N, C-alpha and C. Protein backbone atom coordinates (compact mmCIF):
# COMPACT_ATOMS: atom_id res chain seq x y z
N MET A 1 10.08 14.79 11.61
CA MET A 1 8.74 14.96 11.09
C MET A 1 8.85 15.67 9.73
N GLY A 2 8.19 15.12 8.73
CA GLY A 2 8.28 15.65 7.38
C GLY A 2 7.46 16.91 7.18
N ARG A 3 7.70 17.53 6.04
CA ARG A 3 6.99 18.77 5.71
C ARG A 3 5.48 18.57 5.64
N LEU A 4 5.06 17.44 5.07
CA LEU A 4 3.62 17.17 4.98
C LEU A 4 3.00 17.03 6.37
N GLN A 5 3.72 16.37 7.27
CA GLN A 5 3.22 16.24 8.63
C GLN A 5 3.13 17.61 9.31
N HIS A 6 4.12 18.47 9.06
CA HIS A 6 4.07 19.82 9.61
C HIS A 6 2.87 20.59 9.07
N LEU A 7 2.62 20.45 7.76
CA LEU A 7 1.48 21.12 7.15
C LEU A 7 0.18 20.62 7.76
N ALA A 8 0.04 19.30 7.84
CA ALA A 8 -1.18 18.73 8.41
C ALA A 8 -1.35 19.15 9.86
N SER A 9 -0.27 19.19 10.61
CA SER A 9 -0.31 19.60 12.01
C SER A 9 -0.75 21.05 12.13
N TRP A 10 -0.23 21.91 11.26
CA TRP A 10 -0.61 23.32 11.26
C TRP A 10 -2.10 23.48 10.95
N ILE A 11 -2.57 22.75 9.94
CA ILE A 11 -4.00 22.80 9.58
C ILE A 11 -4.86 22.34 10.76
N ASP A 12 -4.46 21.24 11.38
CA ASP A 12 -5.21 20.72 12.53
C ASP A 12 -5.27 21.75 13.65
N ARG A 13 -4.14 22.39 13.94
CA ARG A 13 -4.11 23.40 15.00
C ARG A 13 -5.00 24.59 14.66
N CYS A 14 -4.98 25.01 13.39
CA CYS A 14 -5.84 26.13 12.97
C CYS A 14 -7.31 25.79 13.15
N ASN A 15 -7.72 24.63 12.66
CA ASN A 15 -9.13 24.26 12.79
C ASN A 15 -9.52 24.00 14.24
N GLU A 16 -8.60 23.50 15.04
CA GLU A 16 -8.86 23.32 16.47
C GLU A 16 -9.11 24.68 17.11
N ALA A 17 -8.25 25.65 16.80
CA ALA A 17 -8.40 26.99 17.39
C ALA A 17 -9.69 27.67 16.92
N VAL A 18 -9.97 27.58 15.62
CA VAL A 18 -11.19 28.20 15.10
C VAL A 18 -12.42 27.53 15.72
N GLY A 19 -12.42 26.21 15.77
CA GLY A 19 -13.57 25.48 16.32
C GLY A 19 -13.82 25.82 17.78
N ARG A 20 -12.77 25.84 18.57
CA ARG A 20 -12.92 26.16 20.00
C ARG A 20 -13.35 27.61 20.20
N THR A 21 -12.90 28.49 19.33
CA THR A 21 -13.26 29.91 19.44
C THR A 21 -14.71 30.14 19.07
N VAL A 22 -15.13 29.63 17.90
CA VAL A 22 -16.51 29.89 17.47
C VAL A 22 -17.52 29.13 18.32
N ALA A 23 -17.08 28.09 19.01
CA ALA A 23 -18.00 27.37 19.90
C ALA A 23 -18.56 28.29 20.99
N TRP A 24 -17.80 29.30 21.37
CA TRP A 24 -18.27 30.25 22.37
C TRP A 24 -19.46 31.07 21.87
N LEU A 25 -19.62 31.15 20.56
CA LEU A 25 -20.78 31.86 20.03
C LEU A 25 -22.08 31.16 20.38
N THR A 26 -22.02 29.87 20.67
CA THR A 26 -23.24 29.17 21.08
C THR A 26 -23.76 29.72 22.40
N VAL A 27 -22.84 30.07 23.29
CA VAL A 27 -23.25 30.70 24.56
C VAL A 27 -23.89 32.05 24.27
N GLY A 28 -23.25 32.82 23.39
CA GLY A 28 -23.81 34.11 23.00
C GLY A 28 -25.18 33.97 22.36
N THR A 29 -25.32 32.95 21.52
CA THR A 29 -26.61 32.72 20.86
C THR A 29 -27.71 32.45 21.88
N VAL A 30 -27.41 31.60 22.85
CA VAL A 30 -28.41 31.27 23.88
C VAL A 30 -28.76 32.52 24.69
N LEU A 31 -27.76 33.28 25.10
CA LEU A 31 -28.01 34.48 25.90
C LEU A 31 -28.82 35.52 25.12
N VAL A 32 -28.46 35.72 23.86
CA VAL A 32 -29.19 36.70 23.05
C VAL A 32 -30.62 36.21 22.79
N GLN A 33 -30.78 34.93 22.51
CA GLN A 33 -32.13 34.39 22.28
C GLN A 33 -33.00 34.54 23.53
N PHE A 34 -32.42 34.25 24.68
CA PHE A 34 -33.15 34.42 25.94
C PHE A 34 -33.55 35.89 26.12
N THR A 35 -32.63 36.79 25.84
CA THR A 35 -32.91 38.22 25.96
C THR A 35 -34.02 38.65 25.00
N VAL A 36 -33.96 38.16 23.77
CA VAL A 36 -34.99 38.49 22.78
C VAL A 36 -36.37 38.04 23.27
N VAL A 37 -36.45 36.83 23.81
CA VAL A 37 -37.72 36.30 24.29
C VAL A 37 -38.24 37.12 25.47
N VAL A 38 -37.36 37.44 26.41
CA VAL A 38 -37.78 38.23 27.58
C VAL A 38 -38.24 39.62 27.13
N LEU A 39 -37.45 40.26 26.27
CA LEU A 39 -37.84 41.58 25.80
C LEU A 39 -39.17 41.56 25.07
N ARG A 40 -39.37 40.54 24.24
CA ARG A 40 -40.59 40.46 23.42
C ARG A 40 -41.83 40.16 24.28
N TYR A 41 -41.73 39.13 25.12
CA TYR A 41 -42.93 38.66 25.82
C TYR A 41 -43.15 39.27 27.20
N VAL A 42 -42.12 39.84 27.79
CA VAL A 42 -42.30 40.49 29.09
C VAL A 42 -42.48 42.00 28.91
N PHE A 43 -41.66 42.60 28.04
CA PHE A 43 -41.69 44.05 27.90
C PHE A 43 -42.32 44.53 26.59
N GLY A 44 -42.63 43.59 25.68
CA GLY A 44 -43.25 43.97 24.42
C GLY A 44 -42.32 44.74 23.49
N VAL A 45 -41.03 44.49 23.60
CA VAL A 45 -40.04 45.19 22.79
C VAL A 45 -39.38 44.19 21.85
N GLY A 46 -39.29 44.57 20.59
CA GLY A 46 -38.59 43.73 19.61
C GLY A 46 -37.44 44.48 18.98
N LEU A 47 -36.28 43.87 19.00
CA LEU A 47 -35.11 44.49 18.40
C LEU A 47 -34.62 43.62 17.24
N ILE A 48 -34.80 44.13 16.03
CA ILE A 48 -34.47 43.36 14.83
C ILE A 48 -32.99 43.03 14.78
N TRP A 49 -32.12 43.97 15.13
CA TRP A 49 -30.68 43.71 15.08
C TRP A 49 -30.30 42.58 16.02
N MET A 50 -31.00 42.49 17.13
CA MET A 50 -30.71 41.42 18.09
C MET A 50 -31.17 40.07 17.52
N GLN A 51 -32.32 40.05 16.89
CA GLN A 51 -32.81 38.82 16.27
C GLN A 51 -31.89 38.39 15.13
N GLU A 52 -31.43 39.34 14.34
CA GLU A 52 -30.52 39.01 13.24
C GLU A 52 -29.17 38.53 13.76
N SER A 53 -28.74 39.03 14.90
CA SER A 53 -27.45 38.60 15.45
C SER A 53 -27.46 37.11 15.78
N ILE A 54 -28.61 36.58 16.10
CA ILE A 54 -28.74 35.14 16.36
C ILE A 54 -28.42 34.36 15.09
N ILE A 55 -28.92 34.83 13.96
CA ILE A 55 -28.64 34.20 12.67
C ILE A 55 -27.15 34.28 12.36
N TYR A 56 -26.56 35.42 12.58
CA TYR A 56 -25.13 35.60 12.32
C TYR A 56 -24.29 34.64 13.17
N MET A 57 -24.60 34.58 14.45
CA MET A 57 -23.83 33.70 15.34
C MET A 57 -24.03 32.23 14.98
N HIS A 58 -25.27 31.85 14.73
CA HIS A 58 -25.57 30.45 14.39
C HIS A 58 -24.87 30.04 13.10
N ALA A 59 -24.95 30.90 12.09
CA ALA A 59 -24.30 30.60 10.81
C ALA A 59 -22.79 30.50 10.98
N THR A 60 -22.21 31.36 11.78
CA THR A 60 -20.76 31.33 11.99
C THR A 60 -20.34 30.06 12.70
N VAL A 61 -21.08 29.65 13.70
CA VAL A 61 -20.75 28.41 14.41
C VAL A 61 -20.80 27.22 13.46
N LEU A 62 -21.87 27.12 12.70
CA LEU A 62 -22.03 25.97 11.80
C LEU A 62 -21.01 25.97 10.67
N MET A 63 -20.81 27.12 10.05
CA MET A 63 -19.95 27.18 8.88
C MET A 63 -18.47 27.16 9.26
N ALA A 64 -18.07 28.01 10.20
CA ALA A 64 -16.66 28.08 10.57
C ALA A 64 -16.24 26.86 11.40
N GLY A 65 -17.21 26.20 12.02
CA GLY A 65 -16.89 25.00 12.81
C GLY A 65 -16.88 23.71 12.02
N ALA A 66 -17.15 23.76 10.74
CA ALA A 66 -17.21 22.54 9.93
C ALA A 66 -15.85 21.87 9.79
N GLY A 67 -14.79 22.63 9.66
CA GLY A 67 -13.45 22.06 9.60
C GLY A 67 -13.07 21.37 10.91
N TYR A 68 -13.44 21.99 12.02
CA TYR A 68 -13.22 21.40 13.34
C TYR A 68 -13.97 20.07 13.47
N THR A 69 -15.19 20.05 12.97
CA THR A 69 -15.99 18.83 13.01
C THR A 69 -15.35 17.74 12.19
N LEU A 70 -14.82 18.07 11.02
CA LEU A 70 -14.13 17.10 10.19
C LEU A 70 -12.87 16.61 10.89
N LEU A 71 -12.14 17.50 11.53
CA LEU A 71 -10.94 17.13 12.27
C LEU A 71 -11.24 16.05 13.31
N HIS A 72 -12.37 16.18 13.97
CA HIS A 72 -12.73 15.25 15.05
C HIS A 72 -13.66 14.12 14.59
N GLY A 73 -13.79 13.93 13.29
CA GLY A 73 -14.57 12.81 12.76
C GLY A 73 -16.06 12.91 13.02
N GLY A 74 -16.58 14.13 13.10
CA GLY A 74 -17.98 14.32 13.44
C GLY A 74 -18.92 14.38 12.25
N HIS A 75 -18.40 14.32 11.04
CA HIS A 75 -19.27 14.36 9.87
C HIS A 75 -19.84 12.98 9.57
N VAL A 76 -20.91 12.95 8.83
CA VAL A 76 -21.63 11.72 8.54
C VAL A 76 -20.80 10.81 7.64
N ARG A 77 -20.75 9.55 8.00
CA ARG A 77 -20.13 8.52 7.17
C ARG A 77 -21.10 7.34 7.14
N VAL A 78 -20.84 6.44 6.23
CA VAL A 78 -21.62 5.20 6.22
C VAL A 78 -20.91 4.26 7.20
N ASP A 79 -21.25 4.40 8.47
CA ASP A 79 -20.54 3.70 9.53
C ASP A 79 -20.68 2.19 9.50
N ILE A 80 -21.69 1.67 8.86
CA ILE A 80 -21.81 0.21 8.83
C ILE A 80 -20.65 -0.41 8.08
N PHE A 81 -20.04 0.34 7.17
CA PHE A 81 -18.86 -0.15 6.45
C PHE A 81 -17.57 0.38 7.08
N TYR A 82 -17.56 1.63 7.42
CA TYR A 82 -16.34 2.29 7.88
C TYR A 82 -15.92 1.82 9.27
N ARG A 83 -16.88 1.64 10.15
CA ARG A 83 -16.60 1.30 11.55
C ARG A 83 -15.81 0.02 11.69
N THR A 84 -16.11 -0.99 10.88
CA THR A 84 -15.45 -2.29 11.01
C THR A 84 -14.25 -2.45 10.07
N ALA A 85 -13.95 -1.41 9.31
CA ALA A 85 -12.85 -1.50 8.33
C ALA A 85 -11.49 -1.45 9.03
N SER A 86 -10.51 -2.01 8.36
CA SER A 86 -9.14 -1.96 8.85
C SER A 86 -8.61 -0.53 8.71
N PRO A 87 -7.54 -0.18 9.43
CA PRO A 87 -6.98 1.17 9.29
C PRO A 87 -6.58 1.50 7.85
N GLU A 88 -6.09 0.50 7.10
CA GLU A 88 -5.72 0.74 5.71
C GLU A 88 -6.95 1.03 4.86
N ARG A 89 -8.01 0.28 5.08
CA ARG A 89 -9.24 0.51 4.31
C ARG A 89 -9.85 1.86 4.65
N LYS A 90 -9.81 2.23 5.93
CA LYS A 90 -10.29 3.55 6.33
C LYS A 90 -9.45 4.65 5.66
N ALA A 91 -8.13 4.43 5.62
CA ALA A 91 -7.25 5.41 4.99
C ALA A 91 -7.57 5.56 3.51
N TRP A 92 -7.79 4.44 2.81
CA TRP A 92 -8.16 4.50 1.39
C TRP A 92 -9.50 5.22 1.22
N THR A 93 -10.46 4.90 2.07
CA THR A 93 -11.78 5.53 1.99
C THR A 93 -11.66 7.03 2.19
N ASP A 94 -10.92 7.43 3.22
CA ASP A 94 -10.75 8.87 3.50
C ASP A 94 -9.99 9.56 2.37
N LEU A 95 -8.93 8.95 1.90
CA LEU A 95 -8.11 9.56 0.85
C LEU A 95 -8.92 9.74 -0.44
N LEU A 96 -9.61 8.67 -0.86
CA LEU A 96 -10.41 8.76 -2.08
C LEU A 96 -11.59 9.71 -1.91
N GLY A 97 -12.20 9.71 -0.73
CA GLY A 97 -13.30 10.63 -0.46
C GLY A 97 -12.86 12.09 -0.54
N VAL A 98 -11.69 12.37 0.02
CA VAL A 98 -11.17 13.74 -0.03
C VAL A 98 -10.85 14.14 -1.47
N VAL A 99 -10.13 13.27 -2.18
CA VAL A 99 -9.67 13.61 -3.53
C VAL A 99 -10.83 13.73 -4.52
N PHE A 100 -11.78 12.79 -4.46
CA PHE A 100 -12.84 12.76 -5.47
C PHE A 100 -14.12 13.49 -5.08
N PHE A 101 -14.32 13.76 -3.80
CA PHE A 101 -15.56 14.42 -3.38
C PHE A 101 -15.31 15.74 -2.66
N LEU A 102 -14.58 15.69 -1.56
CA LEU A 102 -14.43 16.87 -0.73
C LEU A 102 -13.73 18.01 -1.46
N ILE A 103 -12.58 17.76 -2.01
CA ILE A 103 -11.83 18.83 -2.69
C ILE A 103 -12.62 19.42 -3.87
N PRO A 104 -13.17 18.60 -4.78
CA PRO A 104 -13.94 19.21 -5.88
C PRO A 104 -15.15 20.02 -5.40
N VAL A 105 -15.85 19.54 -4.38
CA VAL A 105 -17.03 20.26 -3.90
C VAL A 105 -16.62 21.58 -3.24
N MET A 106 -15.56 21.57 -2.46
CA MET A 106 -15.12 22.81 -1.82
C MET A 106 -14.62 23.82 -2.86
N ILE A 107 -13.92 23.34 -3.88
CA ILE A 107 -13.48 24.24 -4.96
C ILE A 107 -14.69 24.79 -5.71
N LEU A 108 -15.69 23.97 -5.93
CA LEU A 108 -16.93 24.44 -6.57
C LEU A 108 -17.60 25.51 -5.72
N ILE A 109 -17.69 25.27 -4.42
CA ILE A 109 -18.32 26.26 -3.53
C ILE A 109 -17.55 27.57 -3.57
N ILE A 110 -16.23 27.51 -3.51
CA ILE A 110 -15.42 28.73 -3.55
C ILE A 110 -15.64 29.45 -4.89
N THR A 111 -15.62 28.70 -5.97
CA THR A 111 -15.78 29.29 -7.31
C THR A 111 -17.14 29.96 -7.48
N VAL A 112 -18.18 29.32 -7.01
CA VAL A 112 -19.53 29.87 -7.15
C VAL A 112 -19.78 30.99 -6.15
N ALA A 113 -19.26 30.84 -4.94
CA ALA A 113 -19.54 31.83 -3.89
C ALA A 113 -18.72 33.11 -4.05
N TRP A 114 -17.54 33.01 -4.66
CA TRP A 114 -16.67 34.19 -4.76
C TRP A 114 -17.38 35.40 -5.38
N PRO A 115 -17.98 35.28 -6.57
CA PRO A 115 -18.66 36.46 -7.14
C PRO A 115 -19.84 36.92 -6.28
N TYR A 116 -20.54 35.98 -5.68
CA TYR A 116 -21.68 36.29 -4.81
C TYR A 116 -21.23 37.12 -3.62
N VAL A 117 -20.14 36.72 -2.99
CA VAL A 117 -19.60 37.44 -1.84
C VAL A 117 -18.98 38.76 -2.28
N ALA A 118 -18.26 38.74 -3.41
CA ALA A 118 -17.62 39.97 -3.91
C ALA A 118 -18.67 41.04 -4.24
N THR A 119 -19.77 40.64 -4.84
CA THR A 119 -20.84 41.58 -5.15
C THR A 119 -21.43 42.17 -3.87
N SER A 120 -21.57 41.35 -2.87
CA SER A 120 -22.09 41.80 -1.59
C SER A 120 -21.14 42.81 -0.94
N TRP A 121 -19.83 42.52 -1.02
CA TRP A 121 -18.83 43.44 -0.47
C TRP A 121 -18.78 44.74 -1.27
N ALA A 122 -18.94 44.65 -2.58
CA ALA A 122 -18.85 45.84 -3.43
C ALA A 122 -19.91 46.87 -3.06
N SER A 123 -21.07 46.39 -2.62
CA SER A 123 -22.15 47.31 -2.25
C SER A 123 -22.33 47.42 -0.74
N TYR A 124 -21.42 46.79 0.01
CA TYR A 124 -21.57 46.75 1.48
C TYR A 124 -23.01 46.41 1.86
N GLU A 125 -23.46 45.29 1.30
CA GLU A 125 -24.84 44.86 1.48
C GLU A 125 -25.21 44.78 2.96
N GLY A 126 -26.36 45.33 3.26
CA GLY A 126 -26.85 45.32 4.63
C GLY A 126 -28.20 44.65 4.73
N SER A 127 -28.73 44.67 5.89
CA SER A 127 -30.03 44.07 6.16
C SER A 127 -31.13 44.79 5.38
N ALA A 128 -32.15 44.06 5.04
CA ALA A 128 -33.32 44.66 4.39
C ALA A 128 -34.11 45.50 5.39
N GLU A 129 -33.88 45.26 6.65
CA GLU A 129 -34.57 46.00 7.71
C GLU A 129 -33.73 47.22 8.11
N THR A 130 -34.37 48.34 8.31
CA THR A 130 -33.67 49.57 8.67
C THR A 130 -32.86 49.42 9.95
N SER A 131 -33.43 48.77 10.93
CA SER A 131 -32.74 48.62 12.21
C SER A 131 -32.00 47.29 12.32
N GLY A 132 -31.82 46.62 11.18
CA GLY A 132 -31.09 45.35 11.18
C GLY A 132 -29.59 45.56 11.10
N ILE A 133 -28.86 44.47 11.11
CA ILE A 133 -27.40 44.54 11.03
C ILE A 133 -27.01 44.86 9.60
N GLN A 134 -26.29 45.92 9.41
CA GLN A 134 -25.92 46.38 8.07
C GLN A 134 -24.59 45.76 7.64
N ALA A 135 -24.47 44.45 7.80
CA ALA A 135 -23.22 43.76 7.46
C ALA A 135 -23.50 42.38 6.88
N VAL A 136 -24.47 42.30 6.00
CA VAL A 136 -24.77 41.03 5.35
C VAL A 136 -23.55 40.54 4.56
N PHE A 137 -22.77 41.48 4.04
CA PHE A 137 -21.56 41.11 3.31
C PHE A 137 -20.59 40.31 4.18
N VAL A 138 -20.53 40.60 5.46
CA VAL A 138 -19.67 39.84 6.37
C VAL A 138 -20.26 38.44 6.58
N LEU A 139 -21.56 38.36 6.74
CA LEU A 139 -22.21 37.07 6.91
C LEU A 139 -21.99 36.18 5.69
N LYS A 140 -22.11 36.75 4.50
CA LYS A 140 -21.91 35.97 3.28
C LYS A 140 -20.46 35.50 3.14
N SER A 141 -19.52 36.24 3.70
CA SER A 141 -18.11 35.86 3.66
C SER A 141 -17.84 34.56 4.41
N VAL A 142 -18.71 34.23 5.33
CA VAL A 142 -18.54 32.99 6.10
C VAL A 142 -18.64 31.76 5.18
N ILE A 143 -19.30 31.91 4.05
CA ILE A 143 -19.36 30.81 3.08
C ILE A 143 -17.95 30.46 2.60
N LEU A 144 -17.16 31.48 2.30
CA LEU A 144 -15.79 31.25 1.84
C LEU A 144 -14.91 30.72 2.97
N VAL A 145 -15.14 31.21 4.18
CA VAL A 145 -14.40 30.70 5.35
C VAL A 145 -14.70 29.21 5.52
N PHE A 146 -15.97 28.85 5.42
CA PHE A 146 -16.37 27.44 5.52
C PHE A 146 -15.63 26.58 4.51
N ALA A 147 -15.69 26.98 3.25
CA ALA A 147 -15.08 26.17 2.20
C ALA A 147 -13.57 26.07 2.38
N ALA A 148 -12.93 27.17 2.76
CA ALA A 148 -11.47 27.16 2.94
C ALA A 148 -11.07 26.26 4.10
N LEU A 149 -11.77 26.35 5.23
CA LEU A 149 -11.41 25.54 6.40
C LEU A 149 -11.66 24.05 6.16
N VAL A 150 -12.76 23.73 5.50
CA VAL A 150 -13.04 22.32 5.21
C VAL A 150 -12.05 21.79 4.18
N LEU A 151 -11.73 22.60 3.18
CA LEU A 151 -10.74 22.20 2.18
C LEU A 151 -9.39 21.94 2.85
N LEU A 152 -8.95 22.84 3.70
CA LEU A 152 -7.69 22.63 4.41
C LEU A 152 -7.73 21.38 5.27
N GLN A 153 -8.83 21.17 5.98
CA GLN A 153 -8.91 19.98 6.83
C GLN A 153 -8.96 18.72 5.98
N GLY A 154 -9.55 18.79 4.81
CA GLY A 154 -9.53 17.66 3.89
C GLY A 154 -8.11 17.34 3.45
N ILE A 155 -7.32 18.37 3.20
CA ILE A 155 -5.92 18.15 2.84
C ILE A 155 -5.18 17.48 3.99
N SER A 156 -5.44 17.92 5.20
CA SER A 156 -4.81 17.29 6.37
C SER A 156 -5.23 15.83 6.49
N LEU A 157 -6.50 15.56 6.27
CA LEU A 157 -7.00 14.18 6.32
C LEU A 157 -6.36 13.33 5.23
N ALA A 158 -6.20 13.90 4.05
CA ALA A 158 -5.54 13.17 2.95
C ALA A 158 -4.09 12.87 3.30
N ILE A 159 -3.40 13.82 3.90
CA ILE A 159 -2.01 13.59 4.32
C ILE A 159 -1.94 12.48 5.35
N ALA A 160 -2.81 12.54 6.35
CA ALA A 160 -2.83 11.50 7.39
C ALA A 160 -3.13 10.14 6.77
N SER A 161 -4.06 10.09 5.84
CA SER A 161 -4.41 8.83 5.18
C SER A 161 -3.24 8.29 4.37
N ALA A 162 -2.56 9.17 3.65
CA ALA A 162 -1.40 8.75 2.86
C ALA A 162 -0.29 8.22 3.77
N LEU A 163 -0.12 8.84 4.93
CA LEU A 163 0.89 8.37 5.87
C LEU A 163 0.55 6.98 6.41
N VAL A 164 -0.73 6.76 6.70
CA VAL A 164 -1.15 5.43 7.16
C VAL A 164 -0.86 4.40 6.07
N LEU A 165 -1.19 4.73 4.84
CA LEU A 165 -0.95 3.81 3.72
C LEU A 165 0.54 3.57 3.49
N ALA A 166 1.36 4.56 3.86
CA ALA A 166 2.82 4.41 3.72
C ALA A 166 3.43 3.68 4.92
N GLY A 167 2.59 3.32 5.90
CA GLY A 167 3.08 2.59 7.06
C GLY A 167 3.60 3.45 8.19
N VAL A 168 3.37 4.76 8.09
CA VAL A 168 3.79 5.66 9.16
C VAL A 168 2.68 5.70 10.20
N PRO A 169 2.98 5.43 11.48
CA PRO A 169 1.93 5.48 12.51
C PRO A 169 1.44 6.92 12.71
N VAL A 170 0.13 7.08 12.64
CA VAL A 170 -0.48 8.40 12.81
C VAL A 170 -1.49 8.29 13.95
N PRO A 171 -1.26 9.06 15.03
CA PRO A 171 -2.24 9.03 16.12
C PRO A 171 -3.56 9.64 15.69
N PRO A 172 -4.65 9.20 16.25
CA PRO A 172 -5.96 9.80 15.89
C PRO A 172 -6.00 11.25 16.32
N PRO A 173 -6.77 12.07 15.59
CA PRO A 173 -6.85 13.49 15.97
C PRO A 173 -7.54 13.64 17.31
N GLY A 174 -7.09 14.58 18.03
CA GLY A 174 -7.69 14.90 19.32
C GLY A 174 -7.37 16.34 19.62
N PRO A 175 -7.64 16.77 20.81
CA PRO A 175 -7.28 18.14 21.16
C PRO A 175 -5.77 18.31 20.96
N GLY A 176 -5.41 19.34 20.25
CA GLY A 176 -4.00 19.60 20.01
C GLY A 176 -3.55 19.01 18.70
N ASP A 177 -2.34 18.50 18.71
CA ASP A 177 -1.68 18.02 17.49
C ASP A 177 -2.09 16.62 17.10
N ARG A 178 -2.16 16.37 15.80
CA ARG A 178 -2.36 15.02 15.29
C ARG A 178 -1.00 14.33 15.24
N PHE A 179 0.05 15.07 14.98
CA PHE A 179 1.37 14.49 14.80
C PHE A 179 2.28 14.78 15.96
C-alpha cells in the first residue's frame, strides 16, 4: 500500500472516529431539549446556559460531522448525472470537484475564519447573557474544525479518485478503512 493510500486511510479513520463521536451529541441534544421543555412548561424555570448548550451541541454535530458525511457520500450531488456515470467518470467528477471547488472553498473559509476565531479567543468571548455559556470562542473554533476536516476528507477523496483513474481498485468507503 502506497503512502497516498496510507494518508487517505488515516484521514478516513480520523473522520470516521470524529463522526461517530460527535453523533452522540445528538442524544445529548435531545435529552437537554426535553429537560429544557419540562423545566420551562412544568416548573416555570428557564436556564439560559442549558438552552445555549443545545446550540453548541447542534453546531458541533453539524460542523464536525461534515467530513464524516463526505466520507460516506452523504453530501448533495447532482445525482441524475452522477448516479449513472461509470466509475472513471465519477472519479473525474470527484477529483475535479475537490480540486476546483472543495479545496478553494475550505481554504477561503479557513482564511476568513482565522482572524474571527483568533479575535474571539483573544478576548475569551462569552455569551451575551450573564448566565449563558462563557465559551463562545470555543463554539467559533468549530468553524475551523469543520473546514479542516472537510479539507482533509476532500484530499482523501481526491486520492481515491486518482487511484481509480490509475486503475487501482479502491473499495467504497464504509465503516473502517477505505483501503
